[in-house]
Amino acid sequence: MSHILLKLLMTKFAKLVYNKPFVLVAYFGLSLFAVVKSVIVNHIHDNYFVYKFAFFDIIHQQTPFGPVRGPMHDQFHYGPVFSILMAPFALLPDGIGVILWVMFNAWVLFYSIKRLPLKEGYYLPVLLICAHELMTSSSNVEINPLIAALIILSFVFVRDKKDFWAALMICLGMFIKLYGIVGLAFFFLSDNKPKFILSMVFWSVILFLAPMALTSPSYIIQNYHDWYADLLNKNLHNIAPSFQDISLMGLIRNIFNYRELSNIVVIIPGILLFGLWYLRVKCYRLLPYQLLLLASTLIFVIIFSSSSESPTYIIAVAGVAIWFMNLERPVTGFEISLLVFALVLTVFSPSDLFPKYIRLNYVQPYKLKALPCVLIWFKIIYETSKRKFDSGQLKNLPT
């Protein structure tokens, strides 16, 4: 009897996961609720004001980096292009601007996921898996959903043979937060590599020069110097006890109390493992194999970054969701367990749905939010080397 009831519940749940109105309401509704609540209680997250005033700093040729000002408790760590991107929101009243900013980020990520070459309707479970983590990012008014979208769109445009636009997505990510550079991982999927390279050069020049239209060349060049110095200083701060460094390095540093661990000692082996994808040249044209690369890239950029913090994990969780929906069906119990582990420890641990005592005494101090994503990434690396693919899955893509 209990077996029949469980099967019935699973059937109902499966239908709910693919119910488009339910998924879209959950996906957009959670983030909208979070940001509207902050406006109503007059407690807009400081990040929004950091972003907003960076635009005015550009206009008035003041450095957006350095000590915090006024009520803000955070600092600016982005490129001049991001300051320009904030213009449409910064010029609006704060309540309207912050809501539009959060929903813009949610929509761009939605659009990128919907463009993925998944089976019909498979994008809906991806959105649902991301929904709560998106709310975490939205509560902090973060830019990370946009960064995730740019990485995904760079993959989508390369597959669609639109190298010019793929290069724009990569360069935008690089000139905003550097994370976008991982889009270069999709270079070998391009069938017109000279065009890809020239497009990268073109967009790099355009995005470097564009902020100068609102200010002066000397100021923007100095701004890039300041950005570089800020990132170096931020990296030193990240590895100290903080809410950042939620990464593989952070796990090792905090679980084993090995504060002297150098990031490079972990990152170099990580890059070598990531590069295993490129060894199976005959699989380059297989869609499931390509999606493994995308999932690996989205998780890699977070678990191997000392700058990673809780709201950053929307990028990694998007990778987890794509990995799960790209698995061979039926999925194994082990694979389901990995997803559930990620939902519990990575997605729900920052929320009130998770026991506060465990969060404060174990998850945060030991950076355990990273652990499920680290395990799933190693599972992806294993699949990259060992998974067998059906030649019938071959797509008309270049080698």
Protein backbone atom coordinates (compact mmCIF):
# COMPACT_ATOMS: atom_id res chain seq x y z
CA MET A 1 0.00 0.00 0.00
CA SER A 2 2.77 2.42 0.94
CA HIS A 3 4.59 1.54 -2.31
CA ILE A 4 1.49 2.42 -4.34
CA LEU A 5 1.08 5.70 -2.44
CA LEU A 6 4.72 6.63 -2.99
CA LYS A 7 4.40 5.88 -6.70
CA LEU A 8 1.27 8.04 -6.89
CA LEU A 9 3.03 10.93 -5.13
CA MET A 10 6.04 10.65 -7.46
CA THR A 11 3.70 10.72 -10.49
CA LYS A 12 1.96 13.84 -9.18
CA PHE A 13 5.32 15.47 -8.46
CA ALA A 14 6.63 14.63 -11.94
CA LYS A 15 3.59 16.31 -13.49
CA LEU A 16 4.14 19.38 -11.33
CA VAL A 17 7.80 19.64 -12.41
CA TYR A 18 6.69 19.86 -16.04
CA ASN A 19 3.71 22.14 -15.35
CA LYS A 20 4.73 25.34 -17.12
CA PRO A 21 2.53 27.84 -15.22
CA PHE A 22 3.61 26.38 -11.86
CA VAL A 23 7.32 26.43 -12.76
CA LEU A 24 7.23 29.98 -14.13
CA VAL A 25 5.34 31.30 -11.10
CA ALA A 26 7.85 29.60 -8.78
CA TYR A 27 10.86 30.78 -10.79
CA PHE A 28 9.89 34.45 -11.18
CA GLY A 29 7.61 34.67 -8.14
CA LEU A 30 10.20 33.78 -5.51
CA SER A 31 12.62 36.44 -6.71
CA LEU A 32 9.86 39.02 -7.13
CA PHE A 33 8.64 38.31 -3.61
CA ALA A 34 12.16 38.72 -2.18
CA VAL A 35 12.85 42.07 -3.82
CA VAL A 36 9.37 43.55 -3.29
CA LYS A 37 9.56 42.59 0.38
CA SER A 38 12.87 44.47 0.68
CA VAL A 39 11.30 47.57 -0.89
CA ILE A 40 8.20 47.42 1.33
CA VAL A 41 10.20 47.15 4.56
CA ASN A 42 12.60 49.84 3.27
CA HIS A 43 15.62 47.56 3.49
CA ILE A 44 17.02 47.35 -0.04
CA HIS A 45 20.26 45.39 -0.01
CA ASP A 46 23.43 47.48 0.07
CA ASN A 47 24.66 45.79 -3.11
CA TYR A 48 22.13 47.75 -5.15
CA PHE A 49 23.50 51.07 -3.89
CA VAL A 50 27.07 49.92 -4.53
CA TYR A 51 26.08 49.18 -8.13
CA LYS A 52 24.01 52.34 -8.51
CA PHE A 53 26.65 54.77 -7.25
CA ALA A 54 29.32 53.13 -9.39
CA PHE A 55 27.47 54.57 -12.39
CA PHE A 56 27.60 58.08 -10.92
CA ASP A 57 31.27 57.56 -10.04
CA ILE A 58 31.96 56.93 -13.73
CA ILE A 59 30.07 60.06 -14.74
CA HIS A 60 31.94 62.20 -12.19
CA GLN A 61 35.28 60.46 -12.84
CA GLN A 62 35.68 59.20 -9.28
CA THR A 63 37.03 55.76 -8.47
CA PRO A 64 34.28 53.29 -7.48
CA PHE A 65 36.87 51.20 -5.62
CA GLY A 66 38.22 51.65 -2.13
CA PRO A 67 36.59 52.28 1.26
CA VAL A 68 32.83 51.92 1.60
CA ARG A 69 30.78 55.10 1.88
CA GLY A 70 27.71 56.01 3.88
CA PRO A 71 25.40 53.14 4.87
CA MET A 72 26.97 50.68 2.41
CA HIS A 73 28.74 47.65 3.84
CA ASP A 74 30.17 46.26 0.62
CA GLN A 75 32.61 47.36 -2.04
CA PHE A 76 32.59 47.54 -5.82
CA HIS A 77 34.57 44.81 -7.60
CA TYR A 78 33.49 45.10 -11.25
CA GLY A 79 34.67 46.62 -14.50
CA PRO A 80 33.62 49.98 -15.99
CA VAL A 81 31.27 48.25 -18.43
CA PHE A 82 29.13 47.14 -15.49
CA SER A 83 28.83 50.72 -14.30
CA ILE A 84 27.39 51.66 -17.69
CA LEU A 85 25.06 48.65 -17.66
CA MET A 86 23.53 49.99 -14.43
CA ALA A 87 22.55 53.33 -16.02
CA PRO A 88 18.88 52.47 -16.84
CA PHE A 89 18.32 51.27 -13.27
CA ALA A 90 20.44 53.85 -11.42
CA LEU A 91 18.47 56.74 -12.94
CA LEU A 92 15.16 55.40 -11.60
CA PRO A 93 13.76 55.74 -8.07
CA ASP A 94 15.41 53.11 -5.88
CA GLY A 95 12.29 51.00 -5.31
CA ILE A 96 11.51 50.73 -9.02
CA GLY A 97 15.15 50.40 -10.07
CA VAL A 98 15.96 47.51 -7.73
CA ILE A 99 12.82 45.55 -8.72
CA LEU A 100 13.55 45.97 -12.43
CA TRP A 101 17.22 45.06 -11.87
CA VAL A 102 16.36 41.82 -10.07
CA MET A 103 13.71 40.81 -12.60
CA PHE A 104 16.01 41.68 -15.50
CA ASN A 105 18.58 39.25 -14.10
CA ALA A 106 15.92 36.58 -13.61
CA TRP A 107 14.58 37.05 -17.14
CA VAL A 108 18.01 36.88 -18.82
CA LEU A 109 18.78 33.62 -17.03
CA PHE A 110 15.33 32.29 -17.97
CA TYR A 111 15.91 33.23 -21.60
CA SER A 112 19.31 31.53 -21.72
CA ILE A 113 18.00 28.31 -20.15
CA LYS A 114 15.02 28.25 -22.52
CA ARG A 115 17.45 28.49 -25.45
CA LEU A 116 19.33 25.37 -24.35
CA PRO A 117 19.19 22.40 -26.76
CA LEU A 118 17.42 20.13 -24.27
CA LYS A 119 14.58 17.72 -24.96
CA GLU A 120 11.12 19.25 -25.21
CA GLY A 121 10.07 20.68 -21.87
CA TYR A 122 13.32 19.73 -20.09
CA TYR A 123 14.11 23.40 -19.51
CA LEU A 124 11.24 23.55 -16.99
CA PRO A 125 12.88 21.27 -14.38
CA VAL A 126 16.11 23.25 -14.88
CA LEU A 127 14.25 26.45 -14.02
CA LEU A 128 12.59 24.80 -11.01
CA ILE A 129 15.90 23.49 -9.65
CA CYS A 130 17.32 27.02 -10.00
CA ALA A 131 14.30 28.86 -8.56
CA HIS A 132 15.23 28.92 -4.87
CA GLU A 133 18.92 29.58 -5.52
CA LEU A 134 17.87 32.42 -7.81
CA MET A 135 15.85 33.86 -4.92
CA THR A 136 18.98 33.72 -2.74
CA SER A 137 20.87 35.70 -5.36
CA SER A 138 17.93 38.08 -5.86
CA SER A 139 17.67 38.74 -2.11
CA ASN A 140 21.23 40.03 -2.32
CA VAL A 141 20.48 41.96 -5.55
CA GLU A 142 23.41 40.13 -7.17
CA ILE A 143 24.54 40.17 -10.79
CA ASN A 144 25.32 36.44 -10.81
CA PRO A 145 22.18 35.32 -12.71
CA LEU A 146 23.31 37.57 -15.56
CA ILE A 147 26.81 36.06 -15.47
CA ALA A 148 25.34 32.54 -15.60
CA ALA A 149 23.16 33.59 -18.54
CA LEU A 150 26.14 35.02 -20.46
CA ILE A 151 28.06 31.74 -20.05
CA ILE A 152 25.06 29.69 -21.19
CA LEU A 153 24.35 32.00 -24.13
CA SER A 154 27.98 31.82 -25.27
CA PHE A 155 27.49 28.04 -25.49
CA VAL A 156 24.13 28.40 -27.27
CA PHE A 157 25.45 30.87 -29.86
CA VAL A 158 28.51 28.74 -30.64
CA ARG A 159 26.22 25.75 -31.25
CA ASP A 160 24.00 27.93 -33.46
CA LYS A 161 27.07 28.95 -35.48
CA LYS A 162 26.71 32.55 -34.33
CA ASP A 163 30.31 33.07 -33.26
CA PHE A 164 30.05 36.85 -33.45
CA TRP A 165 27.35 36.91 -30.75
CA ALA A 166 29.01 34.16 -28.74
CA ALA A 167 32.12 36.35 -28.57
CA LEU A 168 30.00 39.27 -27.33
CA MET A 169 28.60 37.12 -24.49
CA ILE A 170 32.10 36.03 -23.45
CA CYS A 171 33.55 39.54 -23.62
CA LEU A 172 30.64 41.03 -21.68
CA GLY A 173 31.21 38.50 -18.93
CA MET A 174 34.94 39.23 -18.90
CA PHE A 175 34.53 43.01 -18.80
CA ILE A 176 31.89 42.79 -16.06
CA LYS A 177 33.19 40.17 -13.62
CA LEU A 178 35.95 38.12 -15.33
CA TYR A 179 33.94 34.91 -14.80
CA GLY A 180 32.72 35.16 -18.38
CA ILE A 181 36.15 34.17 -19.65
CA VAL A 182 35.22 30.52 -19.06
CA GLY A 183 33.06 30.81 -22.18
CA LEU A 184 36.30 30.26 -24.10
CA ALA A 185 35.88 26.60 -23.10
CA PHE A 186 33.44 26.33 -26.02
CA PHE A 187 36.00 27.50 -28.59
CA PHE A 188 36.50 24.00 -30.02
CA LEU A 189 32.78 23.70 -30.76
CA SER A 190 33.11 26.50 -33.31
CA ASP A 191 33.33 25.64 -37.00
CA ASN A 192 34.77 29.05 -37.85
CA LYS A 193 37.57 29.59 -35.37
CA PRO A 194 39.18 32.55 -37.23
CA LYS A 195 35.82 34.37 -37.09
CA PHE A 196 35.52 33.48 -33.41
CA ILE A 197 38.97 34.93 -32.65
CA LEU A 198 38.39 38.09 -34.70
CA SER A 199 35.01 38.57 -33.03
CA MET A 200 36.67 38.32 -29.62
CA VAL A 201 39.18 41.00 -30.64
CA PHE A 202 36.42 43.21 -32.06
CA TRP A 203 34.19 43.06 -28.98
CA SER A 204 37.12 43.45 -26.60
CA VAL A 205 38.07 46.73 -28.30
CA ILE A 206 34.45 47.95 -28.38
CA LEU A 207 33.79 47.16 -24.72
CA PHE A 208 37.11 48.67 -23.66
CA LEU A 209 36.38 51.92 -25.48
CA ALA A 210 32.61 52.18 -24.84
CA PRO A 211 32.78 53.65 -21.29
CA MET A 212 35.07 56.39 -22.62
CA ALA A 213 32.07 57.87 -24.43
CA LEU A 214 30.70 58.96 -21.04
CA THR A 215 34.00 60.07 -19.51
CA SER A 216 37.66 60.27 -20.57
CA PRO A 217 40.17 57.68 -21.87
CA SER A 218 42.67 58.42 -19.10
CA TYR A 219 40.04 57.92 -16.40
CA ILE A 220 38.88 54.57 -17.83
CA ILE A 221 42.46 53.31 -18.17
CA GLN A 222 43.09 54.29 -14.56
CA ASN A 223 39.83 52.55 -13.64
CA TYR A 224 41.14 49.29 -15.09
CA HIS A 225 44.35 49.68 -13.09
CA ASP A 226 42.29 50.23 -9.94
CA TRP A 227 40.11 47.21 -10.76
CA TYR A 228 43.17 44.98 -11.07
CA ALA A 229 44.55 46.18 -7.72
CA ASP A 230 41.12 45.74 -6.12
CA LEU A 231 40.86 42.13 -7.31
CA LEU A 232 44.30 41.29 -5.94
CA ASN A 233 43.36 42.76 -2.57
CA LYS A 234 39.98 41.02 -2.62
CA ASN A 235 41.63 37.64 -3.20
CA LEU A 236 43.75 38.09 -0.07
CA HIS A 237 40.63 38.98 1.90
CA ASN A 238 38.68 36.00 0.52
CA ILE A 239 40.99 33.35 1.97
CA ALA A 240 40.71 34.86 5.45
CA PRO A 241 37.70 33.81 7.56
CA SER A 242 34.73 35.37 5.74
CA PHE A 243 31.44 34.59 4.00
CA GLN A 244 33.40 34.02 0.79
CA ASP A 245 35.75 31.24 -0.34
CA ILE A 246 32.83 28.80 -0.57
CA SER A 247 34.93 26.63 -2.86
CA LEU A 248 36.95 23.45 -2.98
CA MET A 249 39.89 25.40 -1.58
CA GLY A 250 37.66 26.80 1.15
CA LEU A 251 36.50 23.30 2.08
CA ILE A 252 40.08 22.12 2.46
CA ARG A 253 41.22 25.26 4.30
CA ASN A 254 38.41 25.16 6.83
CA ILE A 255 37.76 21.45 7.36
CA PHE A 256 41.46 20.68 7.83
CA ASN A 257 42.35 24.10 9.31
CA TYR A 258 44.98 24.48 6.59
CA ARG A 259 44.98 28.26 6.20
CA GLU A 260 48.28 28.28 4.30
CA LEU A 261 46.83 26.36 1.34
CA SER A 262 47.64 28.12 -1.92
CA ASN A 263 44.77 28.34 -4.41
CA ILE A 264 47.02 27.37 -7.29
CA VAL A 265 47.79 23.99 -5.70
CA VAL A 266 44.11 23.08 -6.11
CA ILE A 267 43.30 25.03 -9.26
CA ILE A 268 46.00 23.50 -11.50
CA PRO A 269 44.83 19.89 -10.94
CA GLY A 270 41.26 21.17 -11.40
CA ILE A 271 42.15 22.64 -14.79
CA LEU A 272 43.82 19.39 -15.84
CA LEU A 273 40.72 17.41 -14.88
CA PHE A 274 38.48 19.95 -16.63
CA GLY A 275 40.63 19.52 -19.76
CA LEU A 276 39.86 15.79 -19.95
CA TRP A 277 36.75 16.76 -21.92
CA TYR A 278 38.93 17.73 -24.88
CA LEU A 279 40.57 14.31 -25.17
CA ARG A 280 37.53 12.56 -26.66
CA VAL A 281 37.66 14.41 -29.97
CA LYS A 282 35.19 12.02 -31.64
CA CYS A 283 32.54 13.05 -29.10
CA TYR A 284 32.79 16.79 -29.79
CA ARG A 285 29.73 16.68 -32.03
CA LEU A 286 27.53 14.79 -29.56
CA LEU A 287 25.00 17.02 -27.84
CA PRO A 288 25.03 15.16 -24.48
CA TYR A 289 28.82 15.44 -24.45
CA GLN A 290 28.63 19.16 -25.19
CA LEU A 291 26.14 19.65 -22.36
CA LEU A 292 28.59 17.91 -20.02
CA LEU A 293 31.10 20.61 -20.92
CA LEU A 294 28.56 23.36 -20.23
CA ALA A 295 27.58 21.88 -16.85
CA SER A 296 31.23 21.34 -15.93
CA THR A 297 32.10 24.94 -16.89
CA LEU A 298 29.30 26.50 -14.83
CA ILE A 299 30.27 24.51 -11.72
CA PHE A 300 34.05 24.80 -12.25
CA VAL A 301 34.08 28.61 -12.29
CA ILE A 302 32.46 28.66 -8.83
CA ILE A 303 34.06 25.78 -6.91
CA PHE A 304 37.55 26.85 -8.00
CA SER A 305 37.10 30.54 -7.11
CA SER A 306 38.00 31.96 -3.71
CA SER A 307 35.56 34.81 -4.48
CA SER A 308 32.59 32.46 -4.41
CA GLU A 309 29.94 33.29 -1.84
CA SER A 310 26.43 31.99 -1.26
CA PRO A 311 24.61 34.20 -3.85
CA THR A 312 27.23 33.24 -6.47
CA TYR A 313 25.98 29.65 -6.46
CA ILE A 314 23.14 30.34 -8.88
CA ILE A 315 25.84 29.81 -11.53
CA ALA A 316 26.89 26.41 -10.16
CA VAL A 317 23.31 25.30 -9.47
CA ALA A 318 22.40 26.04 -13.10
CA GLY A 319 25.25 23.66 -14.01
CA VAL A 320 23.91 21.02 -11.61
CA ALA A 321 20.42 21.31 -13.12
CA ILE A 322 21.74 21.00 -16.69
CA TRP A 323 23.86 17.99 -15.67
CA PHE A 324 20.87 16.23 -14.13
CA MET A 325 18.56 16.80 -17.11
CA ASN A 326 21.34 15.63 -19.44
CA LEU A 327 21.75 12.25 -17.69
CA GLU A 328 20.79 9.03 -19.39
CA ARG A 329 17.28 7.91 -18.47
CA PRO A 330 16.37 6.30 -16.18
CA VAL A 331 18.68 8.05 -13.74
CA THR A 332 20.29 6.00 -11.00
CA GLY A 333 19.57 6.23 -7.29
CA PHE A 334 23.07 7.59 -6.78
CA GLU A 335 22.47 10.42 -9.25
CA ILE A 336 19.15 11.29 -7.60
CA SER A 337 20.90 11.28 -4.22
CA LEU A 338 23.50 13.74 -5.52
CA LEU A 339 20.77 16.10 -6.73
CA VAL A 340 18.86 15.86 -3.44
CA PHE A 341 22.11 16.45 -1.54
CA ALA A 342 22.71 19.59 -3.63
CA LEU A 343 19.16 20.83 -3.06
CA VAL A 344 19.40 20.34 0.70
CA LEU A 345 22.93 21.55 1.41
CA THR A 346 23.66 23.97 -1.42
CA VAL A 347 20.23 25.40 -2.28
CA PHE A 348 18.29 25.36 0.99
CA SER A 349 21.06 25.76 3.60
CA PRO A 350 21.01 29.63 3.52
CA SER A 351 17.23 29.69 4.08
CA ASP A 352 14.88 29.32 7.03
CA LEU A 353 13.98 25.87 5.66
CA PHE A 354 17.33 24.65 6.98
CA PRO A 355 18.17 24.19 10.70
CA LYS A 356 19.79 27.41 11.86
CA TYR A 357 22.13 25.71 14.33
CA ILE A 358 23.62 23.46 11.64
CA ARG A 359 23.94 26.37 9.22
CA LEU A 360 25.75 28.64 11.67
CA ASN A 361 27.99 26.01 13.28
CA TYR A 362 28.81 23.72 10.37
CA VAL A 363 27.69 24.84 6.92
CA GLN A 364 29.03 28.40 7.04
CA PRO A 365 32.29 27.85 8.98
CA TYR A 366 33.33 24.82 6.93
CA LYS A 367 32.05 26.13 3.56
CA LEU A 368 29.87 23.01 3.18
CA LYS A 369 27.57 24.71 0.67
CA ALA A 370 30.26 23.89 -1.90
CA LEU A 371 30.46 20.16 -1.10
CA PRO A 372 27.54 18.81 -3.23
CA CYS A 373 28.66 20.84 -6.26
CA VAL A 374 32.22 19.57 -5.83
CA LEU A 375 30.99 15.95 -5.76
CA ILE A 376 28.75 16.48 -8.79
CA TRP A 377 31.61 18.12 -10.67
CA PHE A 378 33.81 15.08 -10.05
CA LYS A 379 30.91 12.90 -11.24
CA ILE A 380 30.80 14.98 -14.44
CA ILE A 381 34.55 14.50 -14.90
CA TYR A 382 34.01 10.74 -14.55
CA GLU A 383 31.21 10.84 -17.14
CA THR A 384 33.47 12.88 -19.43
CA SER A 385 35.98 10.02 -19.44
CA LYS A 386 33.78 6.93 -19.17
CA ARG A 387 30.23 7.63 -20.31
CA LYS A 388 29.20 5.85 -23.50
CA PHE A 389 27.25 7.84 -26.05
CA ASP A 390 24.86 6.66 -28.72
CA SER A 391 26.08 7.63 -32.19
CA GLY A 392 22.43 8.38 -33.00
CA GLN A 393 22.78 11.45 -30.78
CA LEU A 394 25.18 12.98 -33.31
CA LYS A 395 24.30 16.54 -34.23
CA ASN A 396 25.39 18.45 -37.29
CA LEU A 397 28.14 20.31 -35.48
CA PRO A 398 31.77 20.79 -36.45
CA THR A 399 34.56 18.78 -34.93
